[in-house]
C-alpha atoms as a PDB file:
ATOM      1  CA  MET A   1     -39.241 151.741 -17.946  1.00  0.00           C
ATOM      2  CA  LYS A   2     -38.734 155.488 -17.821  1.00  0.00           C
ATOM      3  CA  ILE A   3     -35.725 156.184 -15.616  1.00  0.00           C
ATOM      4  CA  LEU A   4     -34.298 159.438 -14.283  1.00  0.00           C
ATOM      5  CA  ILE A   5     -30.560 159.576 -13.554  1.00  0.00           C
ATOM      6  CA  CYS A   6     -29.381 162.411 -11.297  1.00  0.00           C
ATOM      7  CA  GLU A   7     -25.571 162.311 -11.442  1.00  0.00           C
ATOM      8  CA  ASP A   8     -23.085 165.177 -11.742  1.00  0.00           C
ATOM      9  CA  ASP A   9     -20.294 162.930 -13.072  1.00  0.00           C
ATOM     10  CA  GLU A  10     -20.961 163.391 -16.786  1.00  0.00           C
ATOM     11  CA  ARG A  11     -18.969 160.346 -17.897  1.00  0.00           C
ATOM     12  CA  LEU A  12     -20.730 158.021 -15.458  1.00  0.00           C
ATOM     13  CA  ALA A  13     -24.146 159.468 -16.324  1.00  0.00           C
ATOM     14  CA  ARG A  14     -23.580 158.927 -20.049  1.00  0.00           C
ATOM     15  CA  ALA A  15     -22.324 155.378 -19.479  1.00  0.00           C
ATOM     16  CA  LEU A  16     -25.372 154.519 -17.359  1.00  0.00           C
ATOM     17  CA  LYS A  17     -27.704 156.072 -19.921  1.00  0.00           C
ATOM     18  CA  ARG A  18     -26.150 154.048 -22.728  1.00  0.00           C
ATOM     19  CA  ALA A  19     -26.356 150.786 -20.758  1.00  0.00           C
ATOM     20  CA  LEU A  20     -29.969 151.345 -19.726  1.00  0.00           C
ATOM     21  CA  GLU A  21     -31.042 152.304 -23.246  1.00  0.00           C
ATOM     22  CA  GLU A  22     -29.529 149.030 -24.482  1.00  0.00           C
ATOM     23  CA  GLU A  23     -31.938 147.350 -22.040  1.00  0.00           C
ATOM     24  CA  MET A  24     -34.822 149.197 -23.788  1.00  0.00           C
ATOM     25  CA  HIS A  25     -35.367 151.781 -21.050  1.00  0.00           C
ATOM     26  CA  LEU A  26     -36.024 155.454 -21.704  1.00  0.00           C
ATOM     27  CA  VAL A  27     -33.552 157.550 -19.765  1.00  0.00           C
ATOM     28  CA  GLU A  28     -33.276 161.214 -18.811  1.00  0.00           C
ATOM     29  CA  ILE A  29     -30.216 162.764 -17.154  1.00  0.00           C
ATOM     30  CA  VAL A  30     -30.009 165.751 -14.798  1.00  0.00           C
ATOM     31  CA  SER A  31     -26.944 166.948 -12.891  1.00  0.00           C
ATOM     32  CA  ASP A  32     -28.305 168.726  -9.812  1.00  0.00           C
ATOM     33  CA  GLY A  33     -30.840 168.221  -7.045  1.00  0.00           C
ATOM     34  CA  GLU A  34     -33.230 171.014  -8.045  1.00  0.00           C
ATOM     35  CA  GLN A  35     -33.770 169.463 -11.475  1.00  0.00           C
ATOM     36  CA  ALA A  36     -34.254 166.026  -9.916  1.00  0.00           C
ATOM     37  CA  ILE A  37     -36.962 167.359  -7.601  1.00  0.00           C
ATOM     38  CA  ASP A  38     -38.757 169.132 -10.455  1.00  0.00           C
ATOM     39  CA  LEU A  39     -38.737 166.046 -12.692  1.00  0.00           C
ATOM     40  CA  GLY A  40     -39.528 163.733  -9.790  1.00  0.00           C
ATOM     41  CA  TYR A  41     -42.756 165.660  -9.187  1.00  0.00           C
ATOM     42  CA  GLU A  42     -43.725 166.392 -12.779  1.00  0.00           C
ATOM     43  CA  SER A  43     -42.637 163.372 -14.821  1.00  0.00           C
ATOM     44  CA  ALA A  44     -44.214 159.928 -14.976  1.00  0.00           C
ATOM     45  CA  LEU A  45     -41.153 157.971 -13.842  1.00  0.00           C
ATOM     46  CA  ASP A  46     -40.738 154.291 -13.068  1.00  0.00           C
ATOM     47  CA  LEU A  47     -37.353 154.587 -11.304  1.00  0.00           C
ATOM     48  CA  ILE A  48     -34.945 157.253 -10.058  1.00  0.00           C
ATOM     49  CA  ILE A  49     -31.172 156.727  -9.786  1.00  0.00           C
ATOM     50  CA  LEU A  50     -29.871 159.379  -7.421  1.00  0.00           C
ATOM     51  CA  ASP A  51     -26.269 160.249  -6.555  1.00  0.00           C
ATOM     52  CA  VAL A  52     -25.664 161.529  -3.018  1.00  0.00           C
ATOM     53  CA  MET A  53     -22.905 164.045  -3.754  1.00  0.00           C
ATOM     54  CA  LEU A  54     -24.643 166.680  -5.883  1.00  0.00           C
ATOM     55  CA  PRO A  55     -24.092 170.418  -6.273  1.00  0.00           C
ATOM     56  CA  GLY A  56     -26.567 172.468  -4.231  1.00  0.00           C
ATOM     57  CA  ILE A  57     -29.143 170.113  -2.730  1.00  0.00           C
ATOM     58  CA  ASP A  58     -27.572 166.715  -2.021  1.00  0.00           C
ATOM     59  CA  GLY A  59     -29.163 163.424  -2.998  1.00  0.00           C
ATOM     60  CA  LEU A  60     -30.407 162.560   0.481  1.00  0.00           C
ATOM     61  CA  GLU A  61     -32.284 165.856   0.730  1.00  0.00           C
ATOM     62  CA  VAL A  62     -33.723 165.319  -2.764  1.00  0.00           C
ATOM     63  CA  CYS A  63     -34.977 161.916  -1.631  1.00  0.00           C
ATOM     64  CA  ARG A  64     -36.514 163.356   1.555  1.00  0.00           C
ATOM     65  CA  ARG A  65     -38.326 166.114  -0.307  1.00  0.00           C
ATOM     66  CA  LEU A  66     -39.733 163.755  -2.920  1.00  0.00           C
ATOM     67  CA  ARG A  67     -41.027 161.404  -0.235  1.00  0.00           C
ATOM     68  CA  GLN A  68     -42.468 164.276   1.798  1.00  0.00           C
ATOM     69  CA  GLY A  69     -44.231 165.447  -1.364  1.00  0.00           C
ATOM     70  CA  GLY A  70     -45.878 162.052  -1.833  1.00  0.00           C
ATOM     71  CA  VAL A  71     -43.666 160.743  -4.649  1.00  0.00           C
ATOM     72  CA  ARG A  72     -43.592 156.948  -4.387  1.00  0.00           C
ATOM     73  CA  THR A  73     -41.322 156.234  -7.370  1.00  0.00           C
ATOM     74  CA  PRO A  74     -38.615 153.682  -6.409  1.00  0.00           C
ATOM     75  CA  ILE A  75     -35.283 155.425  -5.701  1.00  0.00           C
ATOM     76  CA  LEU A  76     -31.836 153.834  -5.890  1.00  0.00           C
ATOM     77  CA  ILE A  77     -29.102 155.847  -4.152  1.00  0.00           C
ATOM     78  CA  LEU A  78     -25.541 155.844  -5.551  1.00  0.00           C
ATOM     79  CA  THR A  79     -22.656 157.043  -3.407  1.00  0.00           C
ATOM     80  CA  ALA A  80     -18.902 156.822  -2.956  1.00  0.00           C
ATOM     81  CA  ARG A  81     -19.516 156.438   0.772  1.00  0.00           C
ATOM     82  CA  GLY A  82     -20.332 152.837   1.589  1.00  0.00           C
ATOM     83  CA  GLY A  83     -20.277 152.731   5.393  1.00  0.00           C
ATOM     84  CA  VAL A  84     -23.136 151.284   7.400  1.00  0.00           C
ATOM     85  CA  SER A  85     -24.171 154.712   8.717  1.00  0.00           C
ATOM     86  CA  ASP A  86     -24.253 156.069   5.154  1.00  0.00           C
ATOM     87  CA  ARG A  87     -26.512 153.237   4.013  1.00  0.00           C
ATOM     88  CA  VAL A  88     -28.780 153.789   7.018  1.00  0.00           C
ATOM     89  CA  ASN A  89     -29.000 157.515   6.235  1.00  0.00           C
ATOM     90  CA  GLY A  90     -29.955 156.766   2.631  1.00  0.00           C
ATOM     91  CA  LEU A  91     -32.673 154.300   3.585  1.00  0.00           C
ATOM     92  CA  ASP A  92     -33.971 156.601   6.332  1.00  0.00           C
ATOM     93  CA  ALA A  93     -34.252 159.395   3.758  1.00  0.00           C
ATOM     94  CA  GLY A  94     -36.723 157.211   1.841  1.00  0.00           C
ATOM     95  CA  ALA A  95     -34.517 155.376  -0.650  1.00  0.00           C
ATOM     96  CA  ASP A  96     -35.537 151.863  -1.667  1.00  0.00           C
ATOM     97  CA  ASP A  97     -32.000 150.628  -2.270  1.00  0.00           C
ATOM     98  CA  TYR A  98     -28.403 151.798  -1.849  1.00  0.00           C
ATOM     99  CA  LEU A  99     -25.394 150.973  -4.046  1.00  0.00           C
ATOM    100  CA  PRO A 100     -21.853 152.132  -3.188  1.00  0.00           C
ATOM    101  CA  LYS A 101     -19.382 153.162  -5.893  1.00  0.00           C
ATOM    102  CA  PRO A 102     -17.574 151.637  -7.663  1.00  0.00           C
ATOM    103  CA  PHE A 103     -20.192 149.088  -8.675  1.00  0.00           C
ATOM    104  CA  ALA A 104     -20.594 146.419 -11.343  1.00  0.00           C
ATOM    105  CA  LEU A 105     -23.070 147.333 -14.062  1.00  0.00           C
ATOM    106  CA  ALA A 106     -24.628 143.868 -13.869  1.00  0.00           C
ATOM    107  CA  GLU A 107     -25.411 144.420 -10.179  1.00  0.00           C
ATOM    108  CA  LEU A 108     -26.980 147.814 -10.865  1.00  0.00           C
ATOM    109  CA  LEU A 109     -29.217 146.339 -13.582  1.00  0.00           C
ATOM    110  CA  ALA A 110     -30.213 143.448 -11.302  1.00  0.00           C
ATOM    111  CA  ARG A 111     -31.120 145.864  -8.497  1.00  0.00           C
ATOM    112  CA  LEU A 112     -33.216 147.973 -10.884  1.00  0.00           C
ATOM    113  CA  ARG A 113     -35.087 144.879 -12.085  1.00  0.00           C
ATOM    114  CA  ALA A 114     -35.738 143.878  -8.468  1.00  0.00           C
ATOM    115  CA  LEU A 115     -37.069 147.353  -7.644  1.00  0.00           C
ATOM    116  CA  GLY A 116     -39.343 147.212 -10.681  1.00  0.00           C
ATOM    117  CA  ARG A 117     -40.725 143.817  -9.653  1.00  0.00           C
ATOM    118  CA  ARG A 118     -41.256 144.978  -6.075  1.00  0.00           C
ATOM    119  CA  HIS A 119     -43.056 148.095  -7.260  1.00  0.00           C
ATOM    120  CA  ILE A 120     -45.474 145.956  -9.277  1.00  0.00           C
ATOM    121  CA  ALA A 121     -45.990 143.492  -6.418  1.00  0.00           C
ATOM    122  CA  GLU A 122     -46.893 146.373  -4.100  1.00  0.00           C
ATOM    123  CA  GLY A 123     -49.501 147.581  -6.559  1.00  0.00           C
ATOM    124  CA  GLY A 124     -47.509 150.709  -7.348  1.00  0.00           C
ATOM    125  CA  ALA A 125     -47.427 150.026 -11.074  1.00  0.00           C
ATOM    126  CA  LYS A 126     -51.007 151.068 -11.808  1.00  0.00           C
ATOM    127  CA  MET A 127     -50.859 153.692 -14.567  1.00  0.00           C
ATOM    128  CA  GLN A 128     -53.302 156.275 -15.852  1.00  0.00           C
ATOM    129  CA  VAL A 129     -53.410 158.402 -18.992  1.00  0.00           C
ATOM    130  CA  GLY A 130     -56.502 160.574 -19.220  1.00  0.00           C
ATOM    131  CA  ASP A 131     -59.439 158.319 -18.373  1.00  0.00           C
ATOM    132  CA  LEU A 132     -57.560 155.117 -19.256  1.00  0.00           C
ATOM    133  CA  ILE A 133     -56.238 153.015 -16.350  1.00  0.00           C
ATOM    134  CA  LEU A 134     -53.931 150.028 -16.721  1.00  0.00           C
ATOM    135  CA  ASP A 135     -53.130 147.709 -13.820  1.00  0.00           C
ATOM    136  CA  PRO A 136     -50.362 145.184 -14.651  1.00  0.00           C
ATOM    137  CA  SER A 137     -50.789 143.457 -11.288  1.00  0.00           C
ATOM    138  CA  THR A 138     -54.328 142.377 -12.259  1.00  0.00           C
ATOM    139  CA  HIS A 139     -53.745 142.454 -16.032  1.00  0.00           C
ATOM    140  CA  SER A 140     -56.737 144.753 -16.471  1.00  0.00           C
ATOM    141  CA  ALA A 141     -57.496 147.875 -18.496  1.00  0.00           C
ATOM    142  CA  VAL A 142     -60.423 150.257 -17.951  1.00  0.00           C
ATOM    143  CA  ARG A 143     -61.446 153.430 -19.756  1.00  0.00           C
ATOM    144  CA  SER A 144     -64.144 155.694 -18.313  1.00  0.00           C
ATOM    145  CA  GLY A 145     -65.347 152.776 -16.196  1.00  0.00           C
ATOM    146  CA  ARG A 146     -65.602 150.412 -19.161  1.00  0.00           C
ATOM    147  CA  GLU A 147     -63.473 147.276 -18.963  1.00  0.00           C
ATOM    148  CA  ILE A 148     -61.385 146.578 -22.061  1.00  0.00           C
ATOM    149  CA  ASN A 149     -60.553 143.011 -23.055  1.00  0.00           C
ATOM    150  CA  LEU A 150     -57.043 142.741 -24.494  1.00  0.00           C
ATOM    151  CA  THR A 151     -55.000 139.889 -25.926  1.00  0.00           C
ATOM    152  CA  VAL A 152     -51.579 139.231 -24.395  1.00  0.00           C
ATOM    153  CA  LYS A 153     -49.738 141.138 -27.150  1.00  0.00           C
ATOM    154  CA  GLU A 154     -52.202 144.030 -27.022  1.00  0.00           C
ATOM    155  CA  PHE A 155     -51.724 144.272 -23.265  1.00  0.00           C
ATOM    156  CA  VAL A 156     -47.915 144.274 -23.555  1.00  0.00           C
ATOM    157  CA  LEU A 157     -48.123 146.946 -26.265  1.00  0.00           C
ATOM    158  CA  LEU A 158     -50.439 149.144 -24.193  1.00  0.00           C
ATOM    159  CA  ASP A 159     -48.265 148.622 -21.117  1.00  0.00           C
ATOM    160  CA  LEU A 160     -45.216 149.813 -23.109  1.00  0.00           C
ATOM    161  CA  LEU A 161     -47.015 152.894 -24.408  1.00  0.00           C
ATOM    162  CA  MET A 162     -48.318 153.815 -20.964  1.00  0.00           C
ATOM    163  CA  ARG A 163     -44.955 153.374 -19.262  1.00  0.00           C
ATOM    164  CA  HIS A 164     -43.536 155.824 -21.783  1.00  0.00           C
ATOM    165  CA  ARG A 165     -46.599 158.072 -21.918  1.00  0.00           C
ATOM    166  CA  GLY A 166     -46.069 161.252 -23.846  1.00  0.00           C
ATOM    167  CA  LEU A 167     -42.908 159.928 -25.504  1.00  0.00           C
ATOM    168  CA  VAL A 168     -42.690 158.824 -29.121  1.00  0.00           C
ATOM    169  CA  LEU A 169     -41.650 155.188 -29.597  1.00  0.00           C
ATOM    170  CA  THR A 170     -40.353 154.051 -32.975  1.00  0.00           C
ATOM    171  CA  ARG A 171     -41.685 150.940 -34.662  1.00  0.00           C
ATOM    172  CA  SER A 172     -38.316 149.255 -34.075  1.00  0.00           C
ATOM    173  CA  GLN A 173     -38.440 149.993 -30.339  1.00  0.00           C
ATOM    174  CA  ILE A 174     -41.969 148.628 -30.091  1.00  0.00           C
ATOM    175  CA  LEU A 175     -41.098 145.549 -32.150  1.00  0.00           C
ATOM    176  CA  ASP A 176     -38.020 144.768 -30.041  1.00  0.00           C
ATOM    177  CA  HIS A 177     -39.937 145.103 -26.767  1.00  0.00           C
ATOM    178  CA  VAL A 178     -43.287 143.475 -27.580  1.00  0.00           C
ATOM    179  CA  TRP A 179     -42.135 140.712 -29.920  1.00  0.00           C
ATOM    180  CA  GLU A 180     -38.595 140.293 -28.556  1.00  0.00           C
ATOM    181  CA  LEU A 181     -37.042 137.203 -30.184  1.00  0.00           C
ATOM    182  CA  GLU A 182     -39.560 136.828 -33.018  1.00  0.00           C
ATOM    183  CA  ASN A 183     -36.996 138.015 -35.548  1.00  0.00           C
ATOM    184  CA  ASP A 184     -38.927 137.106 -38.699  1.00  0.00           C
ATOM    185  CA  LEU A 185     -41.500 139.876 -38.125  1.00  0.00           C
ATOM    186  CA  THR A 186     -41.531 143.249 -39.873  1.00  0.00           C
ATOM    187  CA  SER A 187     -42.487 146.671 -38.517  1.00  0.00           C
ATOM    188  CA  ASN A 188     -45.826 146.278 -40.325  1.00  0.00           C
ATOM    189  CA  VAL A 189     -47.016 144.074 -37.463  1.00  0.00           C
ATOM    190  CA  VAL A 190     -46.698 147.105 -35.157  1.00  0.00           C
ATOM    191  CA  ASP A 191     -49.092 149.107 -37.352  1.00  0.00           C
ATOM    192  CA  ILE A 192     -51.551 146.211 -37.350  1.00  0.00           C
ATOM    193  CA  TYR A 193     -51.554 145.899 -33.550  1.00  0.00           C
ATOM    194  CA  ILE A 194     -51.801 149.659 -33.095  1.00  0.00           C
ATOM    195  CA  HIS A 195     -54.939 149.451 -35.247  1.00  0.00           C
ATOM    196  CA  TYR A 196     -56.295 146.642 -33.035  1.00  0.00           C
ATOM    197  CA  LEU A 197     -55.530 148.645 -29.901  1.00  0.00           C
ATOM    198  CA  ARG A 198     -57.130 151.814 -31.239  1.00  0.00           C
ATOM    199  CA  SER A 199     -60.328 149.950 -32.007  1.00  0.00           C
ATOM    200  CA  LYS A 200     -60.525 148.903 -28.355  1.00  0.00           C
ATOM    201  CA  ILE A 201     -59.354 151.933 -26.360  1.00  0.00           C
ATOM    202  CA  ASP A 202     -60.184 154.880 -28.663  1.00  0.00           C
ATOM    203  CA  LYS A 203     -63.232 153.838 -30.699  1.00  0.00           C
ATOM    204  CA  GLY A 204     -66.395 155.349 -29.258  1.00  0.00           C
ATOM    205  CA  PHE A 205     -64.592 157.958 -27.180  1.00  0.00           C
ATOM    206  CA  ASP A 206     -64.385 161.674 -27.934  1.00  0.00           C
ATOM    207  CA  LYS A 207     -60.612 161.855 -27.546  1.00  0.00           C
ATOM    208  CA  ALA A 208     -58.108 159.478 -29.117  1.00  0.00           C
ATOM    209  CA  LEU A 209     -55.199 158.612 -26.820  1.00  0.00           C
ATOM    210  CA  ILE A 210     -52.960 156.841 -29.352  1.00  0.00           C
ATOM    211  CA  GLN A 211     -51.256 159.331 -31.627  1.00  0.00           C
ATOM    212  CA  THR A 212     -49.273 158.741 -34.821  1.00  0.00           C
ATOM    213  CA  VAL A 213     -46.129 160.813 -35.290  1.00  0.00           C
ATOM    214  CA  ARG A 214     -45.503 160.657 -39.021  1.00  0.00           C
ATOM    215  CA  GLY A 215     -42.215 159.166 -40.045  1.00  0.00           C
ATOM    216  CA  VAL A 216     -41.307 158.310 -36.445  1.00  0.00           C
ATOM    217  CA  GLY A 217     -43.769 156.090 -34.595  1.00  0.00           C
ATOM    218  CA  TYR A 218     -46.508 156.237 -31.964  1.00  0.00           C
ATOM    219  CA  ARG A 219     -47.201 157.687 -28.542  1.00  0.00           C
ATOM    220  CA  LEU A 220     -49.947 157.584 -25.930  1.00  0.00           C
ATOM    221  CA  LYS A 221     -50.975 161.019 -24.702  1.00  0.00           C
ATOM    222  CA  ALA A 222     -54.031 162.508 -23.036  1.00  0.00           C
END
């Protein structure tokens, strides 16, 4: 998933980023509410981790503005204030979950996984890049109205690329995510499956969505 962390405690932000990247998430950090609002509107995010106590606009106001602007990305609020009224204020502002500090990393990761599952179950995980639409809840892919039949591995690969649309993924990142515990495979299998995927989603269309970044890896971009 692509996750935005808005946290002005630099040490905590870096620690969270490191832990989430070890779980194969792509993470971006900002330290104030204005930046969080800008990225919340403009970026294709799967989750937002939002601290309440921020310089300038506080986290609750950031959450309100994003919701008022139609942003439906799941938001997890972090705060040092753990009273009932504080939790109510966070949820009333539009947050999906609320976690008081200090917290156990394992609990944070479990809450993020639960938010991700809930988002999919509610149909919020449908993704679009250009004229390509992927719906994990129905396991379907369509480009310009034409249904695309994908194998399980092809679907997982396309899902990964679309969740990180616009970002370059290395062959190692793709291999670790799509093939997980199949340790005897080489990065060459990634190139093979990218070729399979291109033949299904790009062949016959004027614009190719899958791009090769030489010496680095691949990305999906309209």
